[in-house]
């Protein structure tokens, strides 16, 4: 094989402009995460805090999942990996998300719906 054929078969890396756009999006998502937490924690503005308080955990999980996906696709170069590797990564990530969600539902049920009674009190 010639050197030019080998070079042509390699994948093309994103440009610095793409990395800058991804970094700005990550910054914006982080800003939204901190903002959501601060609104609920400080209860200001009151209207937004009341609306956001029941779903703040879900909002934070969604924003962090978006950030993780961006980091995985661009900075870990999963976007340009083979289908098999990407599929294995996506399957294990989905499995972990399902397990974490199930645990959150179970513990939420135990805490809010069926709290246990401490026999020592």
Protein backbone atom coordinates (compact mmCIF):
# COMPACT_ATOMS: atom_id res chain seq x y z
CA UNK A 1 0.00 0.00 0.00
CA UNK A 2 1.18 3.49 -0.75
CA UNK A 3 1.54 6.12 1.90
CA UNK A 4 -1.16 8.27 0.27
CA UNK A 5 -3.68 5.41 0.34
CA UNK A 6 -2.99 4.79 4.02
CA UNK A 7 -3.34 8.49 4.80
CA UNK A 8 -6.61 8.73 2.87
CA UNK A 9 -8.15 5.80 4.75
CA UNK A 10 -7.62 7.49 8.14
CA UNK A 11 -10.52 9.47 9.54
CA UNK A 12 -10.48 13.23 9.48
CA UNK A 13 -10.31 14.95 12.85
CA UNK A 14 -12.66 17.85 13.61
CA UNK A 15 -11.28 21.34 13.16
CA UNK A 16 -10.51 23.72 16.00
CA UNK A 17 -13.73 25.58 15.16
CA UNK A 18 -15.73 22.42 15.89
CA UNK A 19 -13.94 21.94 19.20
CA UNK A 20 -14.62 25.59 20.07
CA UNK A 21 -18.33 25.21 19.31
CA UNK A 22 -18.51 22.06 21.42
CA UNK A 23 -16.67 23.81 24.27
CA UNK A 24 -19.13 26.73 24.11
CA UNK A 25 -22.09 24.34 24.17
CA UNK A 26 -20.55 22.53 27.17
CA UNK A 27 -20.09 25.88 28.90
CA UNK A 28 -23.74 26.81 28.22
CA UNK A 29 -24.98 23.46 29.55
CA UNK A 30 -22.85 23.86 32.69
CA UNK A 31 -24.22 27.40 33.12
CA UNK A 32 -27.78 26.00 32.90
CA UNK A 33 -26.95 23.29 35.45
CA UNK A 34 -25.53 25.77 37.96
CA UNK A 35 -28.40 28.16 37.27
CA UNK A 36 -31.04 25.48 37.87
CA UNK A 37 -29.41 24.45 41.14
CA UNK A 38 -29.01 28.03 42.36
CA UNK A 39 -32.61 28.99 41.52
CA UNK A 40 -33.95 26.06 43.54
CA UNK A 41 -31.41 26.39 46.36
CA UNK A 42 -31.89 30.15 46.84
CA UNK A 43 -35.64 30.13 46.02
CA UNK A 44 -35.22 33.14 43.74
CA UNK A 45 -36.92 34.07 41.49
CA UNK A 46 -39.80 32.56 43.41
CA UNK A 47 -42.00 31.64 40.44
CA UNK A 48 -39.21 29.82 38.64
CA UNK A 49 -38.05 28.12 41.83
CA UNK A 50 -41.54 26.79 42.53
CA UNK A 51 -41.88 25.47 38.98
CA UNK A 52 -38.38 23.97 38.88
CA UNK A 53 -38.14 22.47 42.37
CA UNK A 54 -40.12 19.24 41.72
CA UNK A 55 -38.11 18.41 38.58
CA UNK A 56 -34.67 19.84 39.35
CA UNK A 57 -33.04 16.40 39.70
CA UNK A 58 -34.39 15.28 36.34
CA UNK A 59 -33.30 18.54 34.69
CA UNK A 60 -29.79 18.20 36.12
CA UNK A 61 -29.57 14.55 35.02
CA UNK A 62 -30.69 15.45 31.50
CA UNK A 63 -28.22 18.32 31.20
CA UNK A 64 -25.34 16.19 32.49
CA UNK A 65 -26.31 13.37 30.09
CA UNK A 66 -26.17 15.84 27.19
CA UNK A 67 -22.75 17.01 28.33
CA UNK A 68 -21.53 13.44 28.63
CA UNK A 69 -22.76 12.62 25.12
CA UNK A 70 -20.95 15.62 23.65
CA UNK A 71 -17.72 14.79 25.44
CA UNK A 72 -17.94 11.14 24.39
CA UNK A 73 -18.67 11.95 20.75
CA UNK A 74 -16.11 14.67 20.19
CA UNK A 75 -13.33 14.51 22.76
CA UNK A 76 -13.24 10.71 22.95
CA UNK A 77 -13.69 10.45 19.15
CA UNK A 78 -16.55 7.96 19.43
CA UNK A 79 -18.26 9.70 16.53
CA UNK A 80 -15.59 8.37 14.18
CA UNK A 81 -15.19 4.90 15.77
CA UNK A 82 -16.46 1.72 14.23
CA UNK A 83 -20.06 0.62 14.63
CA UNK A 84 -19.19 -2.28 16.92
CA UNK A 85 -17.28 -0.14 19.43
CA UNK A 86 -19.93 2.57 19.40
CA UNK A 87 -22.67 -0.05 19.88
CA UNK A 88 -20.88 -1.65 22.84
CA UNK A 89 -20.38 1.78 24.42
CA UNK A 90 -24.02 2.80 23.82
CA UNK A 91 -25.38 -0.51 25.16
CA UNK A 92 -23.40 -0.34 28.39
CA UNK A 93 -24.33 3.32 28.83
CA UNK A 94 -28.01 2.49 28.30
CA UNK A 95 -27.76 -0.41 30.75
CA UNK A 96 -26.23 1.86 33.39
CA UNK A 97 -28.90 4.52 32.81
CA UNK A 98 -31.69 1.94 33.20
CA UNK A 99 -30.14 0.58 36.40
CA UNK A 100 -29.68 4.06 37.90
CA UNK A 101 -33.24 5.03 36.95
CA UNK A 102 -34.61 1.85 38.50
CA UNK A 103 -32.71 2.49 41.72
CA UNK A 104 -33.97 6.07 41.84
CA UNK A 105 -37.55 4.86 41.41
CA UNK A 106 -37.16 2.16 44.06
CA UNK A 107 -35.58 4.48 46.63
CA UNK A 108 -38.08 7.23 45.81
CA UNK A 109 -40.91 4.80 46.41
CA UNK A 110 -39.39 3.60 49.68
CA UNK A 111 -38.78 7.15 50.88
CA UNK A 112 -42.03 8.86 49.84
CA UNK A 113 -44.69 6.14 49.44
CA UNK A 114 -43.74 3.36 51.82
CA UNK A 115 -41.37 4.76 54.42
CA UNK A 116 -40.07 2.21 56.86
CA UNK A 117 -40.66 2.55 60.55
CA UNK A 118 -37.60 2.55 62.77
CA UNK A 119 -38.30 -0.07 65.44
CA UNK A 120 -35.71 1.45 67.78
CA UNK A 121 -37.68 4.68 68.31
